[in-house]
Amino acid sequence: MSTEPVEPIEPPGRRARQADGEPSTRRGDVQREADPHPDTDGVEDDHVRLLGRLNERGFRLVMLMDFVVLVLVTVGSMVVRFGWDWPTYPMGWYVASFTVAIAIFMASLYFGGLYDREPRLGAPPALPRAMRQTLAAGGLVALLTLGASGVAREIGLTATRALPFPIVNLVVLIVLGAAGVAVNRRLVHWVRTRREGPPQVLIAGEPGDVDVARNHLALESARARVVGEASHPDELADLAFATDATDVVLVSGGWVDPLYPATLERLEQAEITVLLRVSARETMFGLERVREIAGLPFVLLRSQTMPRSRTRFKRFFDLVLLALSVPVTVPLLALMALYQLAVAGRPLLYWQRRVGAGGRRFWMVKFRTMVPDAEADGLGARLAERRDPRVIPACTWVRDMRLDELPQLYNVLRGDMSLVGPRPERPELTAAFEREIPGYARRYELPPGLTGLAQIHGRYHTDPEYKLGYDLQYLVNWSPVLDLEVLARTLWVVLARKL
C-alpha cells in the first residue's frame, strides 16, 4: 500500500471531556453569567477549575467514590464474617491480597468504560454494565490467586494460598461492588441534574416526526426539556448553540447523511449529544445498544467510535503482546537485517512521513526493499502495485511475507502505531482521499496498525473507499479477541501469499 521516497529520509531527533456527573464547564459558564450572587462565584470557579484540571489528567470524582465502596465492601464483609480476628493468614497478607484485588476491580471498571462521559439523556442502566465488569474482575482475581498459589507452592514459599481472599467474600465483592458502583452513578446523575437542570433537547427532523417526539417528551418534562425544533439540517448546529441545547434528538433517519461527518463532529466537540430515533430501517443494521427516551427507541451517534477507555486498553494490550513476542521478534529482526544488508545494501532502513492518530504525522520505519530513487520518474507519491517494478527482485518475497514491516514494531513501542488498525498512508495520498471519500478522517481515531481488517480481506488493488469500510468496521467492533483474530489471520494470509 505504500511507496518509498527518492532518498532514505533520516528520522528527526527526538480537550478534556467531563465524566458523567462532573460539572460541565460549558454549561457552568452560562449559568454563572446569570448568577446574581457574585460572592459565591469565586468559590464555584475554583471548584470547577480544580475538577477541570483533574479531568485533564484522567481523574474522575466518581473514581474515588467507587474506590471507597470497594474498600468498604471488602473490609466490611470480612468483619461481618470473622470480626477483627481474621483466620489463617497474617494481616499483612490480607492487606496485600485486598490491595491487588481492588486495583484489578478499579482497572476493570476503567477499561470497561464506567468512567467515560455518558450522556444523561437515555443513559443505559449502570447496574448491568457494573456487574459485567466486577464479574470479570472477580474471575481474574480468582485466576491470579490460583496461579500465584501454584507458583508459591512450587518454590516452597507457602503451602497455602499466596493471595488469600475467601471465595465467599469475593462473591460478595462482585455483587455488592456492582451495586455500589450503580448507586454512585445514580447519585452523580442526581447531583448533576440538581446543578444543571434536566437535559435541554433540540428536536430535529421532518414535521410529522417532530410532532410525535414533541408529544412524547412533553409527558416527561422532568427528564428532558425541549428548547427548540430544527426543520432543516443546515440550521441544526447553529440552532443547537443558540438554544444552548445539551442534546439533539434526530427523529428522521434521512437527516444523517447531510449531517455526517462535519456537523456531527462539530456538535460532539461542543459536548452536545446526538441521538437518532430507531425506525424499522435502522433495525436492519443489527443495532444492539438501543436507548429509551420518553418511550421512543434511540441510538447514540458518535463521531468518535471508540471511547477513551477502550483506546487506552488497546494500548495496554499492544504492550502486553509486544512483551510476550520478544523471544520471536528480536531474533527474526536480526536475521532479516542481515539478509537485507546482503541483498539490498545500505541504507538498511528508510523513514517516511505517514498520517497517524488524530491526523498527526509521524516517521514510519521499514526495511528498504525498493531501488534508490524509486520515485525519480516524476510521477510522485503513488500506491504500490502487486508486482511493482521498483522493488529489488531479491526483496520481492520479503514484501510478500510483509517482513519489511517488522521494524515498525519500534513505532508500536513508541505509540505512533498499533499492532492492529488502519494502515498508515502518506500525507500526499490522504489529502486526496479526505476530499473524495466522506468520513475518511474517521480512520484516524486510532493509531494505524501493522495489519488490519482491510489487509486480511482486501488486496493491493482494493479501492481505498472499500478499505475504509473495513477500517470503520474494525473501529466499531474492536476487542482484544478481534485483534488476536486479525493477527492470526494475517499470519495465514502471509503464509498463503493471499495479497
Protein backbone atom coordinates (compact mmCIF):
# COMPACT_ATOMS: atom_id res chain seq x y z
CA MET A 1 0.00 0.00 0.00
CA SER A 2 2.94 2.37 0.05
CA THR A 3 5.79 3.72 -1.98
CA GLU A 4 9.30 4.63 -0.95
CA PRO A 5 10.90 8.07 -1.14
CA VAL A 6 13.52 9.15 -3.62
CA GLU A 7 16.18 9.10 -0.94
CA PRO A 8 16.05 7.50 2.50
CA ILE A 9 14.92 10.12 4.97
CA GLU A 10 16.68 10.27 8.30
CA PRO A 11 14.41 10.28 11.33
CA PRO A 12 14.21 13.53 13.26
CA GLY A 13 15.69 13.96 16.68
CA ARG A 14 13.79 13.02 19.18
CA ARG A 15 -9.62 18.57 25.07
CA ALA A 16 -10.73 17.45 28.31
CA ARG A 17 -14.04 15.68 28.47
CA GLN A 18 -16.22 15.78 31.51
CA ALA A 19 -17.03 12.49 33.23
CA ASP A 20 -20.65 11.62 33.81
CA GLY A 21 -21.52 13.55 36.90
CA GLU A 22 -18.64 16.03 36.72
CA PRO A 23 -19.62 19.70 36.39
CA SER A 24 -19.72 20.85 32.79
CA THR A 25 -17.62 23.97 32.39
CA ARG A 26 -19.52 24.95 29.24
CA ARG A 27 -22.89 24.82 30.97
CA GLY A 28 -21.42 26.22 34.16
CA ASP A 29 -20.11 29.27 32.33
CA VAL A 30 -23.59 30.04 31.04
CA GLN A 31 -25.11 29.63 34.49
CA ARG A 32 -22.51 31.75 36.23
CA GLU A 33 -23.07 34.67 33.87
CA ALA A 34 -26.65 34.90 35.14
CA ASP A 35 -25.75 34.27 38.81
CA PRO A 36 -26.98 37.19 40.93
CA HIS A 37 -24.73 36.23 43.86
CA PRO A 38 -21.14 37.14 42.90
CA ASP A 39 -19.88 36.45 46.42
CA THR A 40 -20.09 32.70 45.81
CA ASP A 41 -18.92 32.88 42.21
CA GLY A 42 -15.21 32.73 43.04
CA VAL A 43 -15.61 29.59 45.12
CA GLU A 44 -17.53 27.89 42.32
CA ASP A 45 -14.93 28.98 39.76
CA ASP A 46 -12.14 27.47 41.84
CA HIS A 47 -14.13 24.25 42.25
CA VAL A 48 -14.80 23.93 38.51
CA ARG A 49 -11.21 24.78 37.58
CA LEU A 50 -9.86 22.17 40.01
CA LEU A 51 -12.17 19.48 38.64
CA GLY A 52 -11.27 20.54 35.10
CA ARG A 53 -7.54 20.10 35.80
CA LEU A 54 -8.18 16.71 37.38
CA ASN A 55 -10.30 15.68 34.38
CA GLU A 56 -7.48 16.61 32.03
CA ARG A 57 -5.28 14.14 33.91
CA GLY A 58 -7.89 11.39 33.66
CA PHE A 59 -9.20 11.60 37.24
CA ARG A 60 -12.93 11.47 37.90
CA LEU A 61 -14.56 12.19 41.24
CA VAL A 62 -16.68 9.07 40.83
CA MET A 63 -13.45 7.02 40.79
CA LEU A 64 -12.85 7.95 44.42
CA MET A 65 -16.45 7.10 45.27
CA ASP A 66 -16.12 3.65 43.66
CA PHE A 67 -12.82 3.04 45.44
CA VAL A 68 -14.40 3.81 48.80
CA VAL A 69 -17.28 1.45 48.04
CA LEU A 70 -14.95 -1.41 47.11
CA VAL A 71 -12.83 -0.93 50.23
CA LEU A 72 -15.88 -0.78 52.49
CA VAL A 73 -17.40 -3.91 50.95
CA THR A 74 -14.11 -5.82 51.14
CA VAL A 75 -13.30 -4.95 54.73
CA GLY A 76 -16.92 -4.95 55.87
CA SER A 77 -17.60 -8.46 54.56
CA MET A 78 -14.54 -9.76 56.43
CA VAL A 79 -15.62 -8.05 59.65
CA VAL A 80 -19.16 -9.42 59.36
CA ARG A 81 -17.86 -12.98 58.86
CA PHE A 82 -14.88 -13.06 61.21
CA GLY A 83 -14.92 -9.92 63.32
CA TRP A 84 -11.46 -8.32 63.56
CA ASP A 85 -9.66 -11.60 64.24
CA TRP A 86 -9.22 -12.86 60.68
CA PRO A 87 -8.19 -16.54 60.47
CA THR A 88 -5.30 -18.48 58.91
CA TYR A 89 -3.16 -15.70 57.46
CA PRO A 90 -1.24 -12.72 58.87
CA MET A 91 -2.95 -9.34 58.47
CA GLY A 92 -0.23 -8.21 56.03
CA TRP A 93 -1.16 -10.98 53.59
CA TYR A 94 -4.79 -9.90 53.67
CA VAL A 95 -3.84 -6.28 53.09
CA ALA A 96 -1.68 -7.21 50.08
CA SER A 97 -4.37 -9.50 48.67
CA PHE A 98 -7.14 -6.92 49.05
CA THR A 99 -4.96 -4.19 47.54
CA VAL A 100 -4.31 -6.27 44.43
CA ALA A 101 -7.98 -7.25 44.16
CA ILE A 102 -9.28 -3.70 44.46
CA ALA A 103 -6.73 -2.48 41.90
CA ILE A 104 -7.98 -5.14 39.47
CA PHE A 105 -11.60 -4.15 40.10
CA MET A 106 -10.82 -0.46 39.52
CA ALA A 107 -8.93 -1.28 36.31
CA SER A 108 -11.84 -3.39 35.09
CA LEU A 109 -14.29 -0.54 35.72
CA TYR A 110 -11.97 1.90 33.96
CA PHE A 111 -11.28 -0.20 30.88
CA GLY A 112 -14.93 -1.22 30.79
CA GLY A 113 -15.95 2.38 30.14
CA LEU A 114 -17.56 3.13 33.51
CA TYR A 115 -15.59 6.40 33.70
CA ASP A 116 -16.30 7.60 30.17
CA ARG A 117 -18.58 10.58 29.80
CA GLU A 118 -22.09 9.15 29.49
CA PRO A 119 -24.92 11.37 28.19
CA ARG A 120 -27.69 11.79 30.72
CA LEU A 121 -30.49 11.58 28.16
CA GLY A 122 -31.34 7.94 27.58
CA ALA A 123 -28.36 6.71 29.59
CA PRO A 124 -28.43 2.90 29.90
CA PRO A 125 -28.78 1.32 33.36
CA ALA A 126 -25.43 1.24 35.18
CA LEU A 127 -26.02 -1.97 37.13
CA PRO A 128 -25.71 -4.45 34.21
CA ARG A 129 -22.52 -2.78 33.00
CA ALA A 130 -21.05 -2.64 36.51
CA MET A 131 -21.96 -6.28 37.17
CA ARG A 132 -20.28 -7.35 33.93
CA GLN A 133 -17.06 -5.59 34.91
CA THR A 134 -16.99 -6.74 38.55
CA LEU A 135 -17.67 -10.30 37.42
CA ALA A 136 -14.74 -10.12 35.00
CA ALA A 137 -12.53 -8.63 37.73
CA GLY A 138 -13.57 -11.29 40.23
CA GLY A 139 -12.72 -14.04 37.75
CA LEU A 140 -9.31 -12.50 37.14
CA VAL A 141 -8.66 -12.26 40.89
CA ALA A 142 -9.57 -15.93 41.30
CA LEU A 143 -7.27 -16.97 38.42
CA LEU A 144 -4.44 -14.82 39.72
CA THR A 145 -4.83 -16.31 43.20
CA LEU A 146 -4.80 -19.82 41.77
CA GLY A 147 -1.73 -19.16 39.61
CA ALA A 148 0.23 -17.33 42.30
CA SER A 149 -0.55 -20.05 44.82
CA GLY A 150 0.70 -22.74 42.44
CA VAL A 151 3.96 -20.89 41.84
CA ALA A 152 4.41 -20.25 45.57
CA ARG A 153 3.97 -23.94 46.36
CA GLU A 154 6.41 -24.96 43.64
CA ILE A 155 9.19 -22.75 45.03
CA GLY A 156 8.40 -23.72 48.61
CA LEU A 157 7.30 -20.25 49.67
CA THR A 158 3.98 -21.38 51.11
CA ALA A 159 1.73 -24.42 51.16
CA THR A 160 -1.42 -22.31 51.24
CA ARG A 161 -2.82 -19.57 49.05
CA ALA A 162 -0.40 -16.83 48.07
CA LEU A 163 -3.15 -14.18 47.85
CA PRO A 164 -5.76 -15.02 50.47
CA PHE A 165 -9.23 -13.83 49.52
CA PRO A 166 -12.08 -16.04 50.80
CA ILE A 167 -14.31 -17.13 47.93
CA VAL A 168 -17.49 -16.11 49.73
CA ASN A 169 -16.09 -12.63 50.30
CA LEU A 170 -15.02 -12.38 46.67
CA VAL A 171 -18.57 -13.21 45.55
CA VAL A 172 -19.91 -10.57 47.94
CA LEU A 173 -17.48 -8.03 46.48
CA ILE A 174 -18.62 -8.86 42.94
CA VAL A 175 -22.31 -8.41 43.78
CA LEU A 176 -22.26 -5.58 46.31
CA GLY A 177 -19.41 -3.82 44.49
CA ALA A 178 -21.51 -3.68 41.31
CA ALA A 179 -24.50 -2.44 43.29
CA GLY A 180 -22.41 0.26 44.95
CA VAL A 181 -20.96 1.40 41.62
CA ALA A 182 -24.50 1.65 40.20
CA VAL A 183 -25.69 3.63 43.24
CA ASN A 184 -22.74 6.02 42.84
CA ARG A 185 -23.81 6.77 39.28
CA ARG A 186 -27.38 7.38 40.34
CA LEU A 187 -26.12 9.78 42.97
CA VAL A 188 -23.85 11.55 40.48
CA HIS A 189 -26.73 11.80 38.00
CA TRP A 190 -28.96 13.32 40.70
CA VAL A 191 -26.30 15.87 41.70
CA ARG A 192 -25.66 16.85 38.09
CA THR A 193 -29.37 17.29 37.40
CA ARG A 194 -29.75 19.40 40.55
CA ARG A 195 -26.86 21.55 39.42
CA GLU A 196 -27.59 21.92 35.71
CA GLY A 197 -31.28 21.08 35.45
CA PRO A 198 -32.74 18.43 33.12
CA PRO A 199 -31.19 17.89 29.68
CA GLN A 200 -32.15 20.59 27.17
CA VAL A 201 -33.32 18.91 23.98
CA LEU A 202 -33.41 20.14 20.40
CA ILE A 203 -35.73 18.01 18.24
CA ALA A 204 -34.68 17.76 14.59
CA GLY A 205 -36.47 16.13 11.70
CA GLU A 206 -39.45 16.22 9.39
CA PRO A 207 -42.56 17.99 10.76
CA GLY A 208 -44.60 14.82 11.30
CA ASP A 209 -41.76 13.08 13.13
CA VAL A 210 -41.12 16.17 15.24
CA ASP A 211 -44.79 16.32 16.32
CA VAL A 212 -44.68 12.73 17.58
CA ALA A 213 -41.44 13.26 19.50
CA ARG A 214 -42.66 16.55 20.98
CA ASN A 215 -45.82 14.89 22.33
CA HIS A 216 -43.81 12.08 23.91
CA LEU A 217 -41.25 14.39 25.50
CA ALA A 218 -43.98 16.67 26.85
CA LEU A 219 -45.03 13.82 29.13
CA GLU A 220 -41.50 13.54 30.54
CA SER A 221 -40.65 17.18 31.22
CA ALA A 222 -38.83 16.23 34.42
CA ARG A 223 -36.37 14.10 32.43
CA ALA A 224 -35.91 16.44 29.46
CA ARG A 225 -36.90 19.96 28.44
CA VAL A 226 -37.48 20.79 24.77
CA VAL A 227 -35.73 24.08 23.90
CA GLY A 228 -36.18 24.14 20.14
CA GLU A 229 -37.04 22.39 16.90
CA ALA A 230 -34.98 22.23 13.71
CA SER A 231 -36.75 21.77 10.39
CA HIS A 232 -33.69 21.67 8.11
CA PRO A 233 -30.26 20.01 8.52
CA ASP A 234 -28.39 23.19 7.56
CA GLU A 235 -29.72 25.09 10.59
CA LEU A 236 -29.20 22.31 13.12
CA ALA A 237 -25.77 23.21 14.54
CA ASP A 238 -26.41 26.97 14.81
CA LEU A 239 -29.79 26.39 16.43
CA ALA A 240 -28.27 23.95 18.92
CA PHE A 241 -25.74 26.58 20.00
CA ALA A 242 -28.33 29.37 20.06
CA THR A 243 -30.70 27.40 22.33
CA ASP A 244 -27.86 26.10 24.50
CA ALA A 245 -29.06 22.54 23.86
CA THR A 246 -27.31 19.70 25.66
CA ASP A 247 -28.83 17.01 23.42
CA VAL A 248 -30.01 16.82 19.82
CA VAL A 249 -32.65 14.22 19.02
CA LEU A 250 -32.83 13.24 15.35
CA VAL A 251 -36.27 11.80 14.64
CA SER A 252 -35.86 11.40 10.85
CA GLY A 253 -33.30 8.88 9.63
CA GLY A 254 -32.75 10.69 6.34
CA TRP A 255 -31.06 13.54 8.19
CA VAL A 256 -27.95 11.55 9.00
CA ASP A 257 -26.38 11.80 5.54
CA PRO A 258 -26.32 15.64 5.32
CA LEU A 259 -25.06 15.89 8.92
CA TYR A 260 -22.25 13.35 8.54
CA PRO A 261 -19.45 13.90 9.31
CA ALA A 262 -18.83 17.65 9.70
CA THR A 263 -21.92 18.69 11.68
CA LEU A 264 -21.83 15.66 13.96
CA GLU A 265 -18.15 16.30 14.73
CA ARG A 266 -18.86 19.97 15.42
CA LEU A 267 -21.63 19.08 17.88
CA GLU A 268 -19.54 16.44 19.61
CA GLN A 269 -16.64 18.84 20.07
CA ALA A 270 -19.10 21.14 21.87
CA GLU A 271 -20.15 18.18 24.07
CA ILE A 272 -23.66 18.13 22.59
CA THR A 273 -25.07 14.61 22.48
CA VAL A 274 -26.74 13.47 19.26
CA LEU A 275 -29.25 10.61 19.27
CA LEU A 276 -31.06 9.02 16.34
CA ARG A 277 -34.56 7.54 16.57
CA VAL A 278 -34.62 3.86 15.67
CA SER A 279 -37.11 3.00 12.95
CA ALA A 280 -37.74 -0.25 11.09
CA ARG A 281 -34.95 0.64 8.66
CA GLU A 282 -32.34 1.10 11.37
CA THR A 283 -33.13 -2.29 12.92
CA MET A 284 -31.72 -3.90 9.76
CA PHE A 285 -28.26 -2.66 10.80
CA GLY A 286 -28.10 -5.10 13.72
CA LEU A 287 -28.28 -2.45 16.45
CA GLU A 288 -27.53 -3.73 19.95
CA ARG A 289 -27.45 -0.78 22.37
CA VAL A 290 -30.82 0.94 21.96
CA ARG A 291 -31.71 3.68 24.45
CA GLU A 292 -35.19 4.62 25.62
CA ILE A 293 -36.26 8.27 25.76
CA ALA A 294 -39.90 9.09 26.60
CA GLY A 295 -40.94 5.68 25.31
CA LEU A 296 -39.13 6.09 21.97
CA PRO A 297 -36.08 3.99 20.93
CA PHE A 298 -32.85 5.84 20.08
CA VAL A 299 -29.21 5.06 19.40
CA LEU A 300 -26.29 7.30 20.30
CA LEU A 301 -24.38 8.80 17.37
CA ARG A 302 -20.68 9.43 17.87
CA SER A 303 -18.16 10.97 15.51
CA GLN A 304 -15.57 9.20 17.69
CA THR A 305 -16.40 5.48 17.64
CA MET A 306 -14.11 4.28 20.44
CA PRO A 307 -14.24 5.91 23.88
CA ARG A 308 -11.00 6.89 25.56
CA SER A 309 -11.08 3.95 27.99
CA ARG A 310 -11.05 1.44 25.12
CA THR A 311 -8.23 3.19 23.27
CA ARG A 312 -6.12 3.10 26.44
CA PHE A 313 -6.93 -0.57 26.97
CA LYS A 314 -5.94 -1.25 23.37
CA ARG A 315 -2.60 0.44 24.01
CA PHE A 316 -2.07 -1.66 27.15
CA PHE A 317 -2.95 -4.80 25.18
CA ASP A 318 -0.40 -3.88 22.49
CA LEU A 319 2.37 -3.55 25.07
CA VAL A 320 1.49 -6.92 26.62
CA LEU A 321 1.62 -8.63 23.20
CA LEU A 322 4.90 -6.89 22.37
CA ALA A 323 6.47 -8.13 25.59
CA LEU A 324 5.27 -11.69 25.02
CA SER A 325 6.54 -11.73 21.41
CA VAL A 326 10.10 -10.59 22.18
CA PRO A 327 11.63 -14.13 22.02
CA VAL A 328 10.37 -14.42 18.43
CA THR A 329 10.50 -10.90 17.04
CA VAL A 330 14.01 -9.92 18.15
CA PRO A 331 15.82 -12.91 16.51
CA LEU A 332 13.64 -12.52 13.40
CA LEU A 333 14.51 -8.83 13.14
CA ALA A 334 18.21 -9.65 13.41
CA LEU A 335 18.03 -12.31 10.68
CA MET A 336 16.07 -10.04 8.32
CA ALA A 337 18.52 -7.19 8.90
CA LEU A 338 21.42 -9.43 7.87
CA TYR A 339 19.55 -10.60 4.76
CA GLN A 340 18.60 -7.08 3.71
CA LEU A 341 22.16 -5.86 4.13
CA ALA A 342 23.33 -8.69 1.87
CA VAL A 343 20.80 -8.21 -0.96
CA ALA A 344 19.86 -4.52 -0.78
CA GLY A 345 22.88 -2.93 0.85
CA ARG A 346 22.82 0.32 2.69
CA PRO A 347 20.84 2.16 3.84
CA LEU A 348 19.16 -0.72 5.60
CA LEU A 349 16.11 1.27 6.74
CA TYR A 350 14.12 4.13 5.35
CA TRP A 351 11.92 6.56 7.19
CA GLN A 352 8.82 8.09 5.72
CA ARG A 353 6.15 10.52 6.86
CA ARG A 354 2.78 8.88 7.47
CA VAL A 355 -0.52 10.07 8.93
CA GLY A 356 -1.37 8.65 12.34
CA ALA A 357 -3.96 9.04 15.09
CA GLY A 358 -5.78 12.35 15.04
CA GLY A 359 -4.24 13.19 11.67
CA ARG A 360 -0.83 13.70 13.33
CA ARG A 361 2.15 12.92 11.13
CA PHE A 362 4.93 10.63 12.29
CA TRP A 363 8.03 8.91 10.91
CA MET A 364 7.37 5.30 9.97
CA VAL A 365 10.32 2.91 9.54
CA LYS A 366 10.65 -0.12 7.25
CA PHE A 367 13.35 -2.28 5.73
CA ARG A 368 14.27 -0.77 2.36
CA THR A 369 13.03 -3.06 -0.43
CA MET A 370 12.93 -0.65 -3.37
CA VAL A 371 15.74 0.61 -5.56
CA PRO A 372 17.24 4.00 -4.74
CA ASP A 373 15.48 6.94 -6.42
CA ALA A 374 12.29 4.87 -6.58
CA GLU A 375 10.19 7.95 -7.37
CA ALA A 376 12.66 9.71 -9.64
CA ASP A 377 10.35 9.07 -12.62
CA GLY A 378 8.49 12.26 -11.71
CA LEU A 379 5.16 10.55 -11.01
CA GLY A 380 5.37 11.39 -7.32
CA ALA A 381 3.71 9.53 -4.46
CA ARG A 382 1.50 6.63 -5.51
CA LEU A 383 0.21 3.35 -4.17
CA ALA A 384 2.42 0.30 -4.55
CA GLU A 385 1.41 -2.27 -7.15
CA ARG A 386 1.11 -6.01 -6.79
CA ARG A 387 4.35 -6.59 -8.74
CA ASP A 388 5.99 -3.23 -8.52
CA PRO A 389 8.98 -2.81 -10.88
CA ARG A 390 10.69 -0.57 -8.33
CA VAL A 391 11.11 -3.48 -5.89
CA ILE A 392 14.55 -5.13 -5.70
CA PRO A 393 14.00 -8.68 -7.07
CA ALA A 394 15.62 -10.39 -4.08
CA CYS A 395 13.28 -8.42 -1.79
CA THR A 396 10.04 -9.43 -3.51
CA TRP A 397 9.44 -12.32 -1.12
CA VAL A 398 10.23 -10.04 1.82
CA ARG A 399 7.40 -7.72 0.78
CA ASP A 400 5.09 -10.66 0.01
CA MET A 401 5.70 -12.01 3.51
CA ARG A 402 5.42 -8.46 4.89
CA LEU A 403 8.67 -8.91 6.72
CA ASP A 404 9.74 -5.45 5.59
CA GLU A 405 7.17 -4.15 8.11
CA LEU A 406 8.95 -5.68 11.12
CA PRO A 407 10.88 -2.51 12.07
CA GLN A 408 7.52 -0.86 12.67
CA LEU A 409 7.45 -2.66 16.00
CA TYR A 410 9.58 0.33 17.03
CA ASN A 411 6.66 2.61 16.02
CA VAL A 412 4.28 0.42 18.04
CA LEU A 413 6.54 0.67 21.07
CA ARG A 414 6.61 4.47 20.74
CA GLY A 415 2.83 4.62 20.47
CA ASP A 416 2.82 6.01 16.92
CA MET A 417 1.28 2.76 15.70
CA SER A 418 -0.66 -0.24 16.98
CA LEU A 419 -0.32 -3.92 16.15
CA VAL A 420 -3.76 -3.88 14.51
CA GLY A 421 -5.54 -0.92 12.95
CA PRO A 422 -5.97 1.01 9.71
CA ARG A 423 -2.74 1.05 7.70
CA PRO A 424 -0.98 4.44 7.70
CA GLU A 425 -0.86 6.32 4.39
CA ARG A 426 1.30 9.14 3.13
CA PRO A 427 0.01 12.71 3.58
CA GLU A 428 0.09 13.30 -0.17
CA LEU A 429 -2.37 10.44 -0.65
CA THR A 430 -4.63 11.01 2.36
CA ALA A 431 -5.26 14.63 1.37
CA ALA A 432 -6.93 13.41 -1.83
CA PHE A 433 -8.79 10.60 -0.05
CA GLU A 434 -10.23 13.04 2.51
CA ARG A 435 -11.58 15.25 -0.29
CA GLU A 436 -13.09 12.40 -2.27
CA ILE A 437 -14.31 9.93 0.41
CA PRO A 438 -16.80 11.21 3.03
CA GLY A 439 -15.83 10.19 6.54
CA TYR A 440 -12.30 9.12 5.58
CA ALA A 441 -10.84 11.03 8.55
CA ARG A 442 -12.65 8.71 11.00
CA ARG A 443 -9.92 6.13 10.44
CA TYR A 444 -7.62 8.49 12.39
CA GLU A 445 -9.42 7.70 15.65
CA LEU A 446 -6.85 5.01 16.43
CA PRO A 447 -3.12 4.72 15.84
CA PRO A 448 -2.52 2.98 12.49
CA GLY A 449 -1.63 -0.68 12.60
CA LEU A 450 0.91 -3.15 11.26
CA THR A 451 -2.08 -5.01 9.89
CA GLY A 452 -5.85 -4.68 9.87
CA LEU A 453 -9.15 -5.98 8.56
CA ALA A 454 -8.52 -4.29 5.20
CA GLN A 455 -5.22 -6.15 4.89
CA ILE A 456 -6.64 -9.63 5.58
CA HIS A 457 -9.80 -9.15 3.49
CA GLY A 458 -8.63 -6.69 0.84
CA ARG A 459 -5.82 -6.78 -1.70
CA TYR A 460 -3.31 -4.30 -3.07
CA HIS A 461 -5.79 -3.25 -5.77
CA THR A 462 -8.79 -2.85 -3.40
CA ASP A 463 -10.24 0.67 -3.70
CA PRO A 464 -9.48 2.96 -0.70
CA GLU A 465 -13.20 3.61 -0.13
CA TYR A 466 -13.84 -0.11 0.30
CA LYS A 467 -10.84 -0.41 2.60
CA LEU A 468 -12.33 2.42 4.66
CA GLY A 469 -15.37 0.21 5.21
CA TYR A 470 -13.14 -2.46 6.74
CA ASP A 471 -11.34 0.14 8.88
CA LEU A 472 -14.59 1.55 10.28
CA GLN A 473 -15.94 -1.93 10.91
CA TYR A 474 -12.82 -2.59 12.98
CA LEU A 475 -13.32 0.62 15.00
CA VAL A 476 -16.92 -0.25 15.83
CA ASN A 477 -16.24 -3.87 16.77
CA TRP A 478 -12.80 -3.65 18.43
CA SER A 479 -11.97 -6.10 21.18
CA PRO A 480 -8.80 -7.93 22.26
CA VAL A 481 -10.24 -11.09 20.73
CA LEU A 482 -10.67 -9.31 17.38
CA ASP A 483 -7.03 -8.17 17.50
CA LEU A 484 -5.87 -11.73 18.13
CA GLU A 485 -8.07 -12.96 15.29
CA VAL A 486 -6.68 -10.37 12.86
CA LEU A 487 -3.10 -11.18 13.84
CA ALA A 488 -3.71 -14.92 13.38
CA ARG A 489 -5.41 -14.42 10.01
CA THR A 490 -2.61 -12.07 8.92
CA LEU A 491 -0.15 -14.88 9.55
CA TRP A 492 -2.26 -17.18 7.37
CA VAL A 493 -2.60 -14.55 4.61
CA VAL A 494 1.17 -14.06 4.60
CA LEU A 495 1.99 -17.76 4.52
CA ALA A 496 -0.60 -18.42 1.82
CA ARG A 497 0.58 -15.35 -0.19
CA LYS A 498 -3.04 -14.12 -0.47
CA LEU A 499 -2.12 -10.49 -1.04
